[in-house]
Amino acid sequence: VKREIRRRLQFVEYAKVHFISALHGTGVGELYGSIDKAYVSANMKVSASLLTRYLEDAVAAHQPPSIHGRRIKLRYAHFGGTNPPSIIIHGNKTDRVPDSYRRYLENSFRKALKLVGTPVRITFKSGDNPYETRKGKLTPRQEFTKKRLDKRKGSH
């Protein structure tokens, strides 16, 4: 029974499993210590500088994968809330961060902050591109090169 429970709940690795008996009352005393630790972990507040340092350590240990030859850049992290702890990470192309890398970051933050019995919620935010709507204006040199290339394409 114990092995089956651990197998079915393997996605909740951060939670400690307690086996108690309602009939005999065994194991209940150990439960309260874990509840207190989980409560403290769930309501913990951490500074942005510390979270950013942990983010930099995690990225240095394992870089995010590149998407279409472009590197995902994670800039800084700050605390978003408690119960469960929420961490907001700012950077470029964060909408393309794979789920596997998100889980890696959750586990690395959980390990660095010594969180017990509580999930970690990670939210990614990307800045807006201020030049997205503007069409680039060509310099005179670029216009000359473009005309030359267009002539070459037209003759073939």
C-alpha atoms as a PDB file:
ATOM      1  CA  VAL A   1       0.000   0.000   0.000  1.00  0.00           C
ATOM      2  CA  LYS A   2       2.807   2.433   0.918  1.00  0.00           C
ATOM      3  CA  ARG A   3       4.662   1.768  -2.329  1.00  0.00           C
ATOM      4  CA  GLU A   4       1.479   2.264  -4.367  1.00  0.00           C
ATOM      5  CA  ILE A   5       0.745   5.609  -2.680  1.00  0.00           C
ATOM      6  CA  ARG A   6       4.275   6.856  -3.347  1.00  0.00           C
ATOM      7  CA  ARG A   7       4.041   5.701  -6.968  1.00  0.00           C
ATOM      8  CA  ARG A   8       0.731   7.476  -7.554  1.00  0.00           C
ATOM      9  CA  LEU A   9       1.813  10.683  -5.828  1.00  0.00           C
ATOM     10  CA  GLN A  10       5.297  10.956  -7.334  1.00  0.00           C
ATOM     11  CA  PHE A  11       4.396  14.337  -8.911  1.00  0.00           C
ATOM     12  CA  VAL A  12       4.090  15.745  -5.363  1.00  0.00           C
ATOM     13  CA  GLU A  13       7.687  15.014  -4.380  1.00  0.00           C
ATOM     14  CA  TYR A  14       7.843  18.053  -2.116  1.00  0.00           C
ATOM     15  CA  ALA A  15       5.152  16.718   0.246  1.00  0.00           C
ATOM     16  CA  LYS A  16       6.111  14.301   2.975  1.00  0.00           C
ATOM     17  CA  VAL A  17       3.876  11.219   3.199  1.00  0.00           C
ATOM     18  CA  HIS A  18       2.620  10.246   6.668  1.00  0.00           C
ATOM     19  CA  PHE A  19       0.863   7.015   7.454  1.00  0.00           C
ATOM     20  CA  ILE A  20      -1.578   7.328  10.319  1.00  0.00           C
ATOM     21  CA  SER A  21      -4.138   5.069  11.917  1.00  0.00           C
ATOM     22  CA  ALA A  22      -7.542   6.405  12.892  1.00  0.00           C
ATOM     23  CA  LEU A  23      -8.220   3.196  14.773  1.00  0.00           C
ATOM     24  CA  HIS A  24      -5.094   3.197  16.943  1.00  0.00           C
ATOM     25  CA  GLY A  25      -4.063   6.883  16.673  1.00  0.00           C
ATOM     26  CA  THR A  26      -0.508   6.059  15.626  1.00  0.00           C
ATOM     27  CA  GLY A  27       1.488   8.493  13.507  1.00  0.00           C
ATOM     28  CA  VAL A  28      -0.666  11.514  14.343  1.00  0.00           C
ATOM     29  CA  GLY A  29       2.003  13.144  16.540  1.00  0.00           C
ATOM     30  CA  GLU A  30       4.521  13.247  13.677  1.00  0.00           C
ATOM     31  CA  LEU A  31       1.927  14.890  11.444  1.00  0.00           C
ATOM     32  CA  TYR A  32       1.821  18.159  13.407  1.00  0.00           C
ATOM     33  CA  GLY A  33       5.545  18.828  12.961  1.00  0.00           C
ATOM     34  CA  SER A  34       5.192  18.504   9.187  1.00  0.00           C
ATOM     35  CA  ILE A  35       2.125  20.744   9.212  1.00  0.00           C
ATOM     36  CA  ASP A  36       4.053  23.470  11.052  1.00  0.00           C
ATOM     37  CA  LYS A  37       7.003  23.216   8.631  1.00  0.00           C
ATOM     38  CA  ALA A  38       4.671  23.353   5.617  1.00  0.00           C
ATOM     39  CA  TYR A  39       2.883  26.407   7.058  1.00  0.00           C
ATOM     40  CA  VAL A  40       6.168  28.249   7.644  1.00  0.00           C
ATOM     41  CA  SER A  41       7.340  27.359   4.119  1.00  0.00           C
ATOM     42  CA  ALA A  42       4.055  28.447   2.531  1.00  0.00           C
ATOM     43  CA  ASN A  43       4.123  31.864   4.236  1.00  0.00           C
ATOM     44  CA  MET A  44       7.825  32.612   3.754  1.00  0.00           C
ATOM     45  CA  LYS A  45       8.808  35.967   2.245  1.00  0.00           C
ATOM     46  CA  VAL A  46      12.104  36.392   0.396  1.00  0.00           C
ATOM     47  CA  SER A  47      13.839  39.488  -0.988  1.00  0.00           C
ATOM     48  CA  ALA A  48      14.113  40.085  -4.727  1.00  0.00           C
ATOM     49  CA  SER A  49      17.911  40.208  -4.592  1.00  0.00           C
ATOM     50  CA  LEU A  50      18.092  36.764  -2.988  1.00  0.00           C
ATOM     51  CA  LEU A  51      15.637  35.283  -5.503  1.00  0.00           C
ATOM     52  CA  THR A  52      17.600  36.830  -8.378  1.00  0.00           C
ATOM     53  CA  ARG A  53      20.818  35.327  -7.013  1.00  0.00           C
ATOM     54  CA  TYR A  54      19.171  31.878  -6.821  1.00  0.00           C
ATOM     55  CA  LEU A  55      17.872  32.356 -10.382  1.00  0.00           C
ATOM     56  CA  GLU A  56      21.356  33.249 -11.634  1.00  0.00           C
ATOM     57  CA  ASP A  57      22.811  30.182  -9.894  1.00  0.00           C
ATOM     58  CA  ALA A  58      20.170  27.917 -11.457  1.00  0.00           C
ATOM     59  CA  VAL A  59      20.714  29.393 -14.938  1.00  0.00           C
ATOM     60  CA  ALA A  60      24.505  29.099 -14.580  1.00  0.00           C
ATOM     61  CA  ALA A  61      24.155  25.429 -13.622  1.00  0.00           C
ATOM     62  CA  HIS A  62      21.736  24.653 -16.465  1.00  0.00           C
ATOM     63  CA  GLN A  63      21.044  27.137 -19.293  1.00  0.00           C
ATOM     64  CA  PRO A  64      17.506  27.377 -20.687  1.00  0.00           C
ATOM     65  CA  PRO A  65      17.203  25.737 -24.109  1.00  0.00           C
ATOM     66  CA  SER A  66      17.427  27.937 -27.195  1.00  0.00           C
ATOM     67  CA  ILE A  67      14.292  28.254 -29.305  1.00  0.00           C
ATOM     68  CA  HIS A  68      14.825  28.575 -33.085  1.00  0.00           C
ATOM     69  CA  GLY A  69      18.413  29.630 -32.477  1.00  0.00           C
ATOM     70  CA  ARG A  70      17.370  32.356 -30.033  1.00  0.00           C
ATOM     71  CA  ARG A  71      18.426  32.233 -26.403  1.00  0.00           C
ATOM     72  CA  ILE A  72      15.871  32.613 -23.620  1.00  0.00           C
ATOM     73  CA  LYS A  73      17.219  35.260 -21.247  1.00  0.00           C
ATOM     74  CA  LEU A  74      15.967  35.245 -17.669  1.00  0.00           C
ATOM     75  CA  ARG A  75      16.845  38.616 -16.122  1.00  0.00           C
ATOM     76  CA  TYR A  76      15.589  38.815 -12.524  1.00  0.00           C
ATOM     77  CA  ALA A  77      13.087  37.333 -10.087  1.00  0.00           C
ATOM     78  CA  HIS A  78      10.925  38.754  -7.324  1.00  0.00           C
ATOM     79  CA  PHE A  79       8.400  37.434  -4.853  1.00  0.00           C
ATOM     80  CA  GLY A  80       4.787  37.390  -6.030  1.00  0.00           C
ATOM     81  CA  GLY A  81       2.916  36.155  -2.972  1.00  0.00           C
ATOM     82  CA  THR A  82       2.559  33.524  -0.305  1.00  0.00           C
ATOM     83  CA  ASN A  83       0.571  30.364   0.305  1.00  0.00           C
ATOM     84  CA  PRO A  84       1.760  28.897  -2.051  1.00  0.00           C
ATOM     85  CA  PRO A  85       4.962  30.875  -2.598  1.00  0.00           C
ATOM     86  CA  SER A  86       4.837  32.613  -5.952  1.00  0.00           C
ATOM     87  CA  ILE A  87       7.956  33.717  -7.834  1.00  0.00           C
ATOM     88  CA  ILE A  88       7.762  36.035 -10.828  1.00  0.00           C
ATOM     89  CA  ILE A  89      10.640  35.811 -13.314  1.00  0.00           C
ATOM     90  CA  HIS A  90      11.213  38.560 -15.883  1.00  0.00           C
ATOM     91  CA  GLY A  91      13.125  38.073 -19.104  1.00  0.00           C
ATOM     92  CA  ASN A  92      13.013  37.729 -22.884  1.00  0.00           C
ATOM     93  CA  LYS A  93      11.012  35.047 -24.706  1.00  0.00           C
ATOM     94  CA  THR A  94       9.691  33.699 -21.407  1.00  0.00           C
ATOM     95  CA  ASP A  95       6.483  32.552 -23.102  1.00  0.00           C
ATOM     96  CA  ARG A  96       8.581  29.833 -24.786  1.00  0.00           C
ATOM     97  CA  VAL A  97      10.134  28.363 -21.629  1.00  0.00           C
ATOM     98  CA  PRO A  98       9.480  24.589 -21.756  1.00  0.00           C
ATOM     99  CA  ASP A  99       7.623  22.865 -18.920  1.00  0.00           C
ATOM    100  CA  SER A 100      10.680  20.767 -18.121  1.00  0.00           C
ATOM    101  CA  TYR A 101      12.755  23.912 -17.488  1.00  0.00           C
ATOM    102  CA  ARG A 102       9.920  25.388 -15.397  1.00  0.00           C
ATOM    103  CA  ARG A 103       9.980  22.247 -13.218  1.00  0.00           C
ATOM    104  CA  TYR A 104      13.779  22.517 -12.970  1.00  0.00           C
ATOM    105  CA  LEU A 105      13.447  26.108 -11.712  1.00  0.00           C
ATOM    106  CA  GLU A 106      10.689  25.128  -9.250  1.00  0.00           C
ATOM    107  CA  ASN A 107      12.860  22.374  -7.810  1.00  0.00           C
ATOM    108  CA  SER A 108      15.966  24.570  -7.641  1.00  0.00           C
ATOM    109  CA  PHE A 109      14.048  27.354  -5.832  1.00  0.00           C
ATOM    110  CA  ARG A 110      12.483  24.785  -3.495  1.00  0.00           C
ATOM    111  CA  LYS A 111      15.941  23.411  -2.687  1.00  0.00           C
ATOM    112  CA  ALA A 112      17.615  26.837  -2.298  1.00  0.00           C
ATOM    113  CA  LEU A 113      14.838  28.238  -0.098  1.00  0.00           C
ATOM    114  CA  LYS A 114      14.486  24.949   1.839  1.00  0.00           C
ATOM    115  CA  LEU A 115      10.731  24.817   1.231  1.00  0.00           C
ATOM    116  CA  VAL A 116       8.968  21.786   2.688  1.00  0.00           C
ATOM    117  CA  GLY A 117       5.466  20.529   1.930  1.00  0.00           C
ATOM    118  CA  THR A 118       4.375  23.378  -0.325  1.00  0.00           C
ATOM    119  CA  PRO A 119       4.321  23.850  -4.095  1.00  0.00           C
ATOM    120  CA  VAL A 120       6.154  26.742  -5.757  1.00  0.00           C
ATOM    121  CA  ARG A 121       4.261  28.745  -8.359  1.00  0.00           C
ATOM    122  CA  ILE A 122       6.462  30.312 -11.053  1.00  0.00           C
ATOM    123  CA  THR A 123       5.132  32.993 -13.396  1.00  0.00           C
ATOM    124  CA  PHE A 124       7.105  34.314 -16.351  1.00  0.00           C
ATOM    125  CA  LYS A 125       6.785  37.868 -17.653  1.00  0.00           C
ATOM    126  CA  SER A 126       8.252  39.299 -20.855  1.00  0.00           C
ATOM    127  CA  GLY A 127       8.744  42.956 -21.631  1.00  0.00           C
ATOM    128  CA  ASP A 128       7.030  44.462 -24.648  1.00  0.00           C
ATOM    129  CA  ASN A 129       9.066  45.280 -27.735  1.00  0.00           C
ATOM    130  CA  PRO A 130       8.825  49.082 -28.199  1.00  0.00           C
ATOM    131  CA  TYR A 131       9.724  48.781 -31.903  1.00  0.00           C
ATOM    132  CA  GLU A 132       7.202  46.074 -32.752  1.00  0.00           C
ATOM    133  CA  THR A 133       4.752  48.360 -34.587  1.00  0.00           C
ATOM    134  CA  ARG A 134       7.331  50.624 -36.240  1.00  0.00           C
ATOM    135  CA  LYS A 135       8.594  49.769 -39.679  1.00  0.00           C
ATOM    136  CA  GLY A 136      12.324  50.196 -39.994  1.00  0.00           C
ATOM    137  CA  LYS A 137      13.492  53.116 -42.131  1.00  0.00           C
ATOM    138  CA  LEU A 138      16.343  52.300 -44.502  1.00  0.00           C
ATOM    139  CA  THR A 139      19.481  54.387 -44.650  1.00  0.00           C
ATOM    140  CA  PRO A 140      20.551  55.728 -48.084  1.00  0.00           C
ATOM    141  CA  ARG A 141      23.219  53.027 -48.279  1.00  0.00           C
ATOM    142  CA  GLN A 142      20.650  50.297 -47.524  1.00  0.00           C
ATOM    143  CA  GLU A 143      18.264  51.723 -50.165  1.00  0.00           C
ATOM    144  CA  PHE A 144      21.045  51.652 -52.784  1.00  0.00           C
ATOM    145  CA  THR A 145      21.897  48.032 -51.923  1.00  0.00           C
ATOM    146  CA  LYS A 146      18.231  47.051 -52.049  1.00  0.00           C
ATOM    147  CA  LYS A 147      17.772  48.627 -55.510  1.00  0.00           C
ATOM    148  CA  ARG A 148      20.907  46.897 -56.777  1.00  0.00           C
ATOM    149  CA  LEU A 149      19.702  43.502 -55.525  1.00  0.00           C
ATOM    150  CA  ASP A 150      16.199  44.048 -56.938  1.00  0.00           C
ATOM    151  CA  LYS A 151      17.713  44.796 -60.384  1.00  0.00           C
ATOM    152  CA  ARG A 152      19.773  41.626 -60.172  1.00  0.00           C
ATOM    153  CA  LYS A 153      16.692  39.542 -59.318  1.00  0.00           C
ATOM    154  CA  GLY A 154      14.718  41.102 -62.189  1.00  0.00           C
ATOM    155  CA  SER A 155      17.339  40.282 -64.843  1.00  0.00           C
ATOM    156  CA  HIS A 156      17.451  36.545 -63.990  1.00  0.00           C
END
